[in-house]
PDB file of N, CA and C in Angstrom:
ATOM      1  N   UNK A   1      -2.714   0.345   9.418  1.00  0.00           N
ATOM      2  CA  UNK A   1      -4.682   0.600  10.316  1.00  0.00           C
ATOM      3  C   UNK A   1      -5.597   1.191   9.072  1.00  0.00           C
ATOM      4  N   UNK A   2      -6.525   0.061   9.019  1.00  0.00           N
ATOM      5  CA  UNK A   2      -7.921   1.482   8.757  1.00  0.00           C
ATOM      6  C   UNK A   2      -8.092   1.219   9.631  1.00  0.00           C
ATOM      7  N   UNK A   3      -8.846   3.093   9.061  1.00  0.00           N
ATOM      8  CA  UNK A   3     -10.362   3.950   9.713  1.00  0.00           C
ATOM      9  C   UNK A   3     -10.856   4.536   8.903  1.00  0.00           C
ATOM     10  N   UNK A   4     -12.259   5.032   9.496  1.00  0.00           N
ATOM     11  CA  UNK A   4     -13.399   5.784   9.052  1.00  0.00           C
ATOM     12  C   UNK A   4     -12.512   5.384   7.318  1.00  0.00           C
ATOM     13  N   UNK A   5     -12.657   4.597   6.218  1.00  0.00           N
ATOM     14  CA  UNK A   5     -12.357   4.271   4.680  1.00  0.00           C
ATOM     15  C   UNK A   5     -11.211   4.551   4.421  1.00  0.00           C
ATOM     16  N   UNK A   6     -10.332   5.031   5.006  1.00  0.00           N
ATOM     17  CA  UNK A   6      -8.616   4.917   4.592  1.00  0.00           C
ATOM     18  C   UNK A   6      -7.468   4.431   4.969  1.00  0.00           C
ATOM     19  N   UNK A   7      -6.866   4.490   4.578  1.00  0.00           N
ATOM     20  CA  UNK A   7      -5.294   3.654   5.146  1.00  0.00           C
ATOM     21  C   UNK A   7      -4.812   5.380   5.686  1.00  0.00           C
ATOM     22  N   UNK A   8      -3.796   4.783   7.227  1.00  0.00           N
ATOM     23  CA  UNK A   8      -3.141   5.773   7.814  1.00  0.00           C
ATOM     24  C   UNK A   8      -1.961   5.124   7.460  1.00  0.00           C
ATOM     25  N   UNK A   9      -0.593   5.352   6.897  1.00  0.00           N
ATOM     26  CA  UNK A   9       0.945   5.000   7.229  1.00  0.00           C
ATOM     27  C   UNK A   9       1.848   5.549   8.732  1.00  0.00           C
ATOM     28  N   UNK A  10       2.882   5.280   9.254  1.00  0.00           N
ATOM     29  CA  UNK A  10       3.166   5.360  10.300  1.00  0.00           C
ATOM     30  C   UNK A  10       4.429   5.864   9.223  1.00  0.00           C
ATOM     31  N   UNK A  11       5.647   7.021   8.801  1.00  0.00           N
ATOM     32  CA  UNK A  11       6.385   7.374   8.752  1.00  0.00           C
ATOM     33  C   UNK A  11       7.643   6.371   9.242  1.00  0.00           C
ATOM     34  N   UNK A  12       8.488   5.732   8.807  1.00  0.00           N
ATOM     35  CA  UNK A  12      10.290   5.836   8.824  1.00  0.00           C
ATOM     36  C   UNK A  12      11.061   6.082   8.316  1.00  0.00           C
ATOM     37  N   UNK A  13      11.873   7.003   9.102  1.00  0.00           N
ATOM     38  CA  UNK A  13      12.410   7.662   7.542  1.00  0.00           C
ATOM     39  C   UNK A  13      13.989   6.920   7.973  1.00  0.00           C
ATOM     40  N   UNK A  14      14.607   6.991   6.856  1.00  0.00           N
ATOM     41  CA  UNK A  14      15.451   5.993   6.652  1.00  0.00           C
ATOM     42  C   UNK A  14      16.458   6.139   5.610  1.00  0.00           C
ATOM     43  N   UNK A  15      17.585   7.258   6.469  1.00  0.00           N
ATOM     44  CA  UNK A  15      19.254   8.098   5.987  1.00  0.00           C
ATOM     45  C   UNK A  15      19.370   7.412   4.542  1.00  0.00           C
ATOM     46  N   UNK A  16      19.264   7.791   2.632  1.00  0.00           N
ATOM     47  CA  UNK A  16      19.963   6.608   2.112  1.00  0.00           C
ATOM     48  C   UNK A  16      20.383   7.645   1.066  1.00  0.00           C
ATOM     49  N   UNK A  17      20.968   7.465   0.185  1.00  0.00           N
ATOM     50  CA  UNK A  17      20.965   8.415  -1.187  1.00  0.00           C
ATOM     51  C   UNK A  17      19.607   9.067  -1.759  1.00  0.00           C
ATOM     52  N   UNK A  18      19.699  10.051  -2.223  1.00  0.00           N
ATOM     53  CA  UNK A  18      18.873  10.724  -2.654  1.00  0.00           C
ATOM     54  C   UNK A  18      18.576   9.499  -3.912  1.00  0.00           C
ATOM     55  N   UNK A  19      16.983  10.415  -5.098  1.00  0.00           N
ATOM     56  CA  UNK A  19      16.933   9.070  -5.737  1.00  0.00           C
ATOM     57  C   UNK A  19      17.856  10.216  -7.302  1.00  0.00           C
ATOM     58  N   UNK A  20      18.285   8.833  -8.281  1.00  0.00           N
ATOM     59  CA  UNK A  20      19.278  10.180  -9.296  1.00  0.00           C
ATOM     60  C   UNK A  20      17.630  10.570  -9.800  1.00  0.00           C
ATOM     61  N   UNK A  21      18.892  11.708 -10.877  1.00  0.00           N
ATOM     62  CA  UNK A  21      17.787  12.413 -11.637  1.00  0.00           C
ATOM     63  C   UNK A  21      16.703  11.535 -12.844  1.00  0.00           C
ATOM     64  N   UNK A  22      16.990  10.930 -13.517  1.00  0.00           N
ATOM     65  CA  UNK A  22      15.931   9.782 -14.075  1.00  0.00           C
ATOM     66  C   UNK A  22      15.396   8.729 -13.976  1.00  0.00           C
ATOM     67  N   UNK A  23      15.422   8.526 -12.332  1.00  0.00           N
ATOM     68  CA  UNK A  23      14.200   7.537 -11.424  1.00  0.00           C
ATOM     69  C   UNK A  23      13.513   9.014 -11.407  1.00  0.00           C
ATOM     70  N   UNK A  24      13.867   9.800 -10.842  1.00  0.00           N
ATOM     71  CA  UNK A  24      13.526  10.913 -10.739  1.00  0.00           C
ATOM     72  C   UNK A  24      12.011  11.364 -12.232  1.00  0.00           C
ATOM     73  N   UNK A  25      12.656  11.111 -12.601  1.00  0.00           N
ATOM     74  CA  UNK A  25      12.077  12.042 -14.237  1.00  0.00           C
ATOM     75  C   UNK A  25      10.866  10.497 -14.251  1.00  0.00           C
ATOM     76  N   UNK A  26      11.368   9.383 -14.606  1.00  0.00           N
ATOM     77  CA  UNK A  26      10.373   8.653 -14.420  1.00  0.00           C
ATOM     78  C   UNK A  26       9.361   8.733 -13.472  1.00  0.00           C
ATOM     79  N   UNK A  27       9.728   8.670 -12.410  1.00  0.00           N
ATOM     80  CA  UNK A  27       8.339   8.442 -11.577  1.00  0.00           C
ATOM     81  C   UNK A  27       7.785   9.565 -12.092  1.00  0.00           C
ATOM     82  N   UNK A  28       7.659  10.194 -11.762  1.00  0.00           N
ATOM     83  CA  UNK A  28       7.327  11.853 -11.731  1.00  0.00           C
ATOM     84  C   UNK A  28       5.706  11.996 -14.074  1.00  0.00           C
ATOM     85  N   UNK A  29       6.805  11.520 -14.844  1.00  0.00           N
ATOM     86  CA  UNK A  29       5.834  11.188 -15.646  1.00  0.00           C
ATOM     87  C   UNK A  29       4.354   9.842 -15.798  1.00  0.00           C
ATOM     88  N   UNK A  30       5.031   8.890 -15.172  1.00  0.00           N
ATOM     89  CA  UNK A  30       3.609   7.673 -14.419  1.00  0.00           C
ATOM     90  C   UNK A  30       2.830   8.619 -13.500  1.00  0.00           C
ATOM     91  N   UNK A  31       3.836   9.402 -12.228  1.00  0.00           N
ATOM     92  CA  UNK A  31       2.429   9.947 -11.369  1.00  0.00           C
ATOM     93  C   UNK A  31       1.544  11.062 -12.139  1.00  0.00           C
ATOM     94  N   UNK A  32       2.389  11.292 -13.587  1.00  0.00           N
ATOM     95  CA  UNK A  32       1.056  12.402 -14.233  1.00  0.00           C
ATOM     96  C   UNK A  32       0.376  12.101 -15.338  1.00  0.00           C
ATOM     97  N   UNK A  33       0.337  10.355 -15.378  1.00  0.00           N
ATOM     98  CA  UNK A  33      -0.516  10.033 -16.107  1.00  0.00           C
ATOM     99  C   UNK A  33      -1.089   9.512 -14.728  1.00  0.00           C
ATOM    100  N   UNK A  34      -1.258   8.530 -14.042  1.00  0.00           N
ATOM    101  CA  UNK A  34      -2.139   8.286 -13.498  1.00  0.00           C
ATOM    102  C   UNK A  34      -2.402   9.308 -12.837  1.00  0.00           C
ATOM    103  N   UNK A  35      -3.092  10.873 -12.349  1.00  0.00           N
ATOM    104  CA  UNK A  35      -3.310  11.578 -12.355  1.00  0.00           C
ATOM    105  C   UNK A  35      -3.907  12.234 -13.367  1.00  0.00           C
ATOM    106  N   UNK A  36      -3.619  11.713 -14.554  1.00  0.00           N
ATOM    107  CA  UNK A  36      -5.025  12.562 -15.310  1.00  0.00           C
ATOM    108  C   UNK A  36      -5.330  11.167 -15.428  1.00  0.00           C
ATOM    109  N   UNK A  37      -5.036   9.981 -15.425  1.00  0.00           N
ATOM    110  CA  UNK A  37      -6.426   8.929 -14.958  1.00  0.00           C
ATOM    111  C   UNK A  37      -7.267   8.839 -14.062  1.00  0.00           C
ATOM    112  N   UNK A  38      -6.675   9.982 -12.835  1.00  0.00           N
ATOM    113  CA  UNK A  38      -7.981  10.296 -12.140  1.00  0.00           C
ATOM    114  C   UNK A  38      -7.719   8.668 -11.380  1.00  0.00           C
ATOM    115  N   UNK A  39      -6.904   8.391 -11.101  1.00  0.00           N
ATOM    116  CA  UNK A  39      -6.047   7.778  -9.935  1.00  0.00           C
ATOM    117  C   UNK A  39      -5.323   8.136  -8.749  1.00  0.00           C
ATOM    118  N   UNK A  40      -4.351   9.014  -9.226  1.00  0.00           N
ATOM    119  CA  UNK A  40      -4.469   9.850  -7.984  1.00  0.00           C
ATOM    120  C   UNK A  40      -4.448  11.379  -8.125  1.00  0.00           C
ATOM    121  N   UNK A  41      -4.717  11.627  -6.520  1.00  0.00           N
ATOM    122  CA  UNK A  41      -5.549  12.939  -6.642  1.00  0.00           C
ATOM    123  C   UNK A  41      -5.528  13.394  -5.628  1.00  0.00           C
ATOM    124  N   UNK A  42      -6.490  14.644  -5.481  1.00  0.00           N
ATOM    125  CA  UNK A  42      -6.605  15.175  -3.533  1.00  0.00           C
ATOM    126  C   UNK A  42      -8.611  16.002  -4.307  1.00  0.00           C
ATOM    127  N   UNK A  43      -8.774  14.678  -3.080  1.00  0.00           N
ATOM    128  CA  UNK A  43     -10.561  14.729  -3.262  1.00  0.00           C
ATOM    129  C   UNK A  43     -10.528  16.605  -2.240  1.00  0.00           C
ATOM    130  N   UNK A  44     -11.993  17.734  -2.853  1.00  0.00           N
ATOM    131  CA  UNK A  44     -11.345  19.266  -1.747  1.00  0.00           C
ATOM    132  C   UNK A  44     -11.681  18.753  -0.723  1.00  0.00           C
ATOM    133  N   UNK A  45     -11.575  18.181   0.437  1.00  0.00           N
ATOM    134  CA  UNK A  45     -11.620  18.130   1.435  1.00  0.00           C
ATOM    135  C   UNK A  45      -9.830  18.009   1.940  1.00  0.00           C
ATOM    136  N   UNK A  46      -9.530  17.818   0.523  1.00  0.00           N
ATOM    137  CA  UNK A  46      -7.927  17.810   0.675  1.00  0.00           C
ATOM    138  C   UNK A  46      -7.109  16.629   1.314  1.00  0.00           C
ATOM    139  N   UNK A  47      -8.556  15.705   0.972  1.00  0.00           N
ATOM    140  CA  UNK A  47      -6.731  14.824   1.755  1.00  0.00           C
ATOM    141  C   UNK A  47      -6.926  13.813   0.402  1.00  0.00           C
ATOM    142  N   UNK A  48      -5.734  13.324   0.212  1.00  0.00           N
ATOM    143  CA  UNK A  48      -5.640  12.771  -0.223  1.00  0.00           C
ATOM    144  C   UNK A  48      -5.585  11.765  -1.389  1.00  0.00           C
ATOM    145  N   UNK A  49      -5.366  10.586  -2.151  1.00  0.00           N
ATOM    146  CA  UNK A  49      -5.638   9.631  -3.134  1.00  0.00           C
ATOM    147  C   UNK A  49      -4.353   9.117  -3.406  1.00  0.00           C
ATOM    148  N   UNK A  50      -4.401   7.851  -3.716  1.00  0.00           N
ATOM    149  CA  UNK A  50      -3.398   7.426  -4.967  1.00  0.00           C
ATOM    150  C   UNK A  50      -2.115   7.231  -4.158  1.00  0.00           C
ATOM    151  N   UNK A  51      -1.363   6.771  -4.292  1.00  0.00           N
ATOM    152  CA  UNK A  51       0.377   5.490  -4.114  1.00  0.00           C
ATOM    153  C   UNK A  51       0.305   5.727  -5.225  1.00  0.00           C
ATOM    154  N   UNK A  52       2.113   6.315  -5.349  1.00  0.00           N
ATOM    155  CA  UNK A  52       3.540   6.244  -6.322  1.00  0.00           C
ATOM    156  C   UNK A  52       4.330   5.665  -5.700  1.00  0.00           C
ATOM    157  N   UNK A  53       5.304   4.393  -5.567  1.00  0.00           N
ATOM    158  CA  UNK A  53       6.839   4.926  -4.994  1.00  0.00           C
ATOM    159  C   UNK A  53       7.554   4.127  -6.289  1.00  0.00           C
ATOM    160  N   UNK A  54       8.495   4.222  -6.019  1.00  0.00           N
ATOM    161  CA  UNK A  54      10.147   2.907  -6.425  1.00  0.00           C
ATOM    162  C   UNK A  54      10.880   2.700  -5.598  1.00  0.00           C
ATOM    163  N   UNK A  55      10.532   0.721  -6.362  1.00  0.00           N
ATOM    164  CA  UNK A  55      11.623   0.239  -5.991  1.00  0.00           C
ATOM    165  C   UNK A  55      13.365  -0.822  -6.071  1.00  0.00           C
TER     166      UNK A  55
END
């Protein structure tokens, strides 16, 4: 859904095994790189922008 210039998500909980430690390290490294580039972050009003996930 798009409303007021941003996308709203609906969360559905899917019970599954936790990520392996190596996957957590890898996605965190990518998140840090994207944050440094200004592609993931938070506006001064508290609204976050950007998204990262692993499949």
